[in-house]
Amino acid sequence: MSFVKRGNLPELLAPAGSLEHLKAAVSAGADAIYMGGEKFGARAYAQNFSREDMIEALQIAHFHERKLYLTVNTLMKEEELFEELGEFLFPYYENGLDGVIVQDMGAARFIREHFPEMEIHGSTQMTVTGPEGMRFLEGKGATRVVPARELSLEEISAMHKASP
């Protein structure tokens, strides 16, 4: 789980690998849940959500006033961006997906252009290690960055001061 400052209160973000995990996260008080779909997730061999399960997960999360984020955190080939990503995301976008967690800058750009209301979060796989990287992503439309795992609390704090 990770924390992101929202005003004075942190957002408690929890992973879910199944509908049961999602329900448990909601019951335990998570403000938001992230999960992988059938494509473009870094955990290709994990149990990921089918389209139907993802739409059900969105309905459950939103009924309980929680946010749901989808991981789209793999590097993509150009044909995947232009031939598959939009079709993959559209049903979730149409059903109120709150945001996507991305690694690939081409995917972030595609999402910003085709789904302008969608929140984009920079994945830890982007390996953002300093304020410059955060400001760069902020300039590209990212609303959140999950920094590299190797950073100290002091380094993360300096990044946050440079870019909210």
Protein backbone atom coordinates (compact mmCIF):
# COMPACT_ATOMS: atom_id res chain seq x y z
CA MET A 1 0.00 0.00 0.00
CA SER A 2 1.15 3.54 -0.59
CA PHE A 3 0.18 6.97 0.65
CA VAL A 4 -0.33 10.11 -1.41
CA LYS A 5 -1.07 13.46 0.20
CA ARG A 6 -4.52 14.86 -0.64
CA GLY A 7 -4.77 18.11 1.27
CA ASN A 8 -4.21 17.15 4.88
CA LEU A 9 -5.29 13.54 4.45
CA PRO A 10 -3.33 10.78 2.68
CA GLU A 11 -5.02 8.59 0.10
CA LEU A 12 -4.68 4.93 1.04
CA LEU A 13 -4.04 3.01 -2.19
CA ALA A 14 -4.24 -0.80 -2.18
CA PRO A 15 -3.57 -3.44 -4.86
CA ALA A 16 -6.20 -6.01 -5.83
CA GLY A 17 -5.62 -9.21 -7.76
CA SER A 18 -9.23 -10.42 -7.64
CA LEU A 19 -12.73 -9.18 -6.87
CA GLU A 20 -12.35 -10.68 -3.39
CA HIS A 21 -9.18 -8.60 -2.87
CA LEU A 22 -11.01 -5.50 -4.08
CA LYS A 23 -13.87 -6.09 -1.64
CA ALA A 24 -11.39 -6.68 1.18
CA ALA A 25 -9.53 -3.45 0.35
CA VAL A 26 -12.81 -1.51 0.36
CA SER A 27 -13.85 -3.12 3.67
CA ALA A 28 -10.45 -2.35 5.20
CA GLY A 29 -10.81 1.34 4.37
CA ALA A 30 -8.75 1.82 1.19
CA ASP A 31 -9.57 5.07 -0.57
CA ALA A 32 -8.46 3.72 -3.93
CA ILE A 33 -7.55 0.38 -5.49
CA TYR A 34 -5.26 -0.42 -8.40
CA MET A 35 -5.37 -3.52 -10.56
CA GLY A 36 -4.26 -4.98 -13.86
CA GLY A 37 -6.41 -5.82 -16.83
CA GLU A 38 -5.99 -8.46 -19.52
CA LYS A 39 -3.38 -6.38 -21.40
CA PHE A 40 -0.52 -3.98 -20.76
CA GLY A 41 0.14 -4.92 -17.13
CA ALA A 42 3.63 -5.55 -15.78
CA ARG A 43 2.45 -8.71 -14.05
CA ALA A 44 1.66 -10.67 -17.19
CA TYR A 45 1.55 -14.03 -15.44
CA ALA A 46 -0.58 -12.88 -12.51
CA GLN A 47 -4.32 -13.34 -12.37
CA ASN A 48 -5.54 -10.16 -14.04
CA PHE A 49 -9.06 -8.89 -14.46
CA SER A 50 -11.19 -9.72 -17.50
CA ARG A 51 -13.17 -6.88 -19.08
CA GLU A 52 -16.33 -8.04 -17.32
CA ASP A 53 -14.60 -8.32 -13.94
CA MET A 54 -13.01 -4.90 -14.36
CA ILE A 55 -16.37 -3.28 -15.08
CA GLU A 56 -17.84 -5.05 -12.04
CA ALA A 57 -14.87 -3.85 -9.97
CA LEU A 58 -15.54 -0.28 -11.13
CA GLN A 59 -19.17 -0.59 -10.10
CA ILE A 60 -18.23 -1.96 -6.66
CA ALA A 61 -15.56 0.69 -6.06
CA HIS A 62 -17.77 3.57 -7.13
CA PHE A 63 -20.76 2.28 -5.14
CA HIS A 64 -18.52 2.51 -2.07
CA GLU A 65 -17.17 5.91 -3.19
CA ARG A 66 -13.67 4.55 -3.85
CA LYS A 67 -11.42 5.23 -6.82
CA LEU A 68 -10.15 2.55 -9.17
CA TYR A 69 -6.90 2.81 -11.14
CA LEU A 70 -5.81 0.47 -13.93
CA THR A 71 -2.17 -0.46 -14.46
CA VAL A 72 -1.04 0.14 -18.04
CA ASN A 73 2.59 -0.11 -17.05
CA THR A 74 4.42 -1.96 -19.80
CA LEU A 75 6.51 -0.59 -22.63
CA MET A 76 4.53 -0.71 -25.87
CA LYS A 77 5.21 -1.15 -29.53
CA GLU A 78 3.85 1.54 -31.82
CA GLU A 79 1.20 -0.77 -33.30
CA GLU A 80 -0.03 -1.61 -29.78
CA LEU A 81 -0.49 2.08 -29.05
CA PHE A 82 -2.46 2.84 -32.18
CA GLU A 83 -4.27 -0.45 -32.73
CA GLU A 84 -4.98 -1.84 -29.25
CA LEU A 85 -4.66 0.63 -26.38
CA GLY A 86 -7.69 2.78 -27.18
CA GLU A 87 -9.95 -0.21 -27.72
CA PHE A 88 -8.67 -1.75 -24.48
CA LEU A 89 -9.26 1.39 -22.38
CA PHE A 90 -12.53 2.65 -23.85
CA PRO A 91 -14.96 0.36 -21.97
CA TYR A 92 -13.29 1.24 -18.66
CA TYR A 93 -13.20 4.95 -19.46
CA GLU A 94 -16.88 4.77 -20.43
CA ASN A 95 -17.62 3.13 -17.05
CA GLY A 96 -15.83 5.81 -15.04
CA LEU A 97 -12.27 4.53 -14.60
CA ASP A 98 -10.57 7.04 -12.32
CA GLY A 99 -7.06 6.81 -13.74
CA VAL A 100 -4.27 4.78 -15.27
CA ILE A 101 -0.79 4.01 -13.95
CA VAL A 102 1.61 4.14 -16.91
CA GLN A 103 5.25 3.40 -17.65
CA ASP A 104 5.45 4.18 -21.37
CA MET A 105 5.59 7.87 -22.37
CA GLY A 106 3.97 7.04 -25.70
CA ALA A 107 1.06 5.45 -23.84
CA ALA A 108 0.78 8.51 -21.58
CA ARG A 109 0.65 10.79 -24.62
CA PHE A 110 -1.91 8.57 -26.37
CA ILE A 111 -4.10 8.49 -23.26
CA ARG A 112 -3.87 12.28 -22.79
CA GLU A 113 -4.90 12.83 -26.43
CA HIS A 114 -7.71 10.26 -26.62
CA PHE A 115 -8.98 10.24 -23.02
CA PRO A 116 -8.39 13.84 -21.93
CA GLU A 117 -10.30 13.54 -18.64
CA MET A 118 -8.38 10.45 -17.50
CA GLU A 119 -5.92 10.87 -14.65
CA ILE A 120 -2.44 9.67 -15.56
CA HIS A 121 -0.09 8.42 -12.86
CA GLY A 122 3.57 7.77 -13.58
CA SER A 123 4.44 4.21 -12.56
CA THR A 124 7.35 3.30 -10.34
CA GLN A 125 8.69 1.52 -13.47
CA MET A 126 9.35 4.99 -14.92
CA THR A 127 12.17 5.21 -12.35
CA VAL A 128 11.60 8.87 -11.49
CA THR A 129 14.35 9.77 -9.02
CA GLY A 130 14.22 13.54 -8.70
CA PRO A 131 12.22 16.75 -8.94
CA GLU A 132 13.15 17.25 -12.60
CA GLY A 133 11.47 13.99 -13.58
CA MET A 134 8.36 14.88 -11.62
CA ARG A 135 8.14 18.32 -13.22
CA PHE A 136 8.65 16.77 -16.66
CA LEU A 137 5.74 14.35 -16.10
CA GLU A 138 3.61 17.11 -14.62
CA GLY A 139 4.20 19.06 -17.84
CA LYS A 140 3.02 16.04 -19.83
CA GLY A 141 -0.25 15.85 -17.90
CA ALA A 142 0.54 13.41 -15.10
CA THR A 143 -1.38 14.10 -11.90
CA ARG A 144 0.68 11.72 -9.75
CA VAL A 145 4.09 10.07 -9.86
CA VAL A 146 5.04 6.94 -7.98
CA PRO A 147 8.78 7.49 -7.47
CA ALA A 148 11.50 4.89 -7.84
CA ARG A 149 11.49 2.36 -5.00
CA GLU A 150 15.14 2.99 -4.13
CA LEU A 151 14.59 6.53 -2.87
CA SER A 152 14.82 7.64 0.74
CA LEU A 153 12.01 9.48 2.49
CA GLU A 154 14.12 12.65 2.35
CA GLU A 155 14.51 12.35 -1.43
CA ILE A 156 10.78 11.77 -1.89
CA SER A 157 10.03 14.75 0.35
CA ALA A 158 12.28 16.99 -1.77
CA MET A 159 10.47 15.81 -4.90
CA HIS A 160 7.10 16.58 -3.36
CA LYS A 161 8.22 20.09 -2.42
CA ALA A 162 9.29 20.71 -6.02
CA SER A 163 6.06 19.45 -7.57
CA PRO A 164 2.78 18.74 -5.78
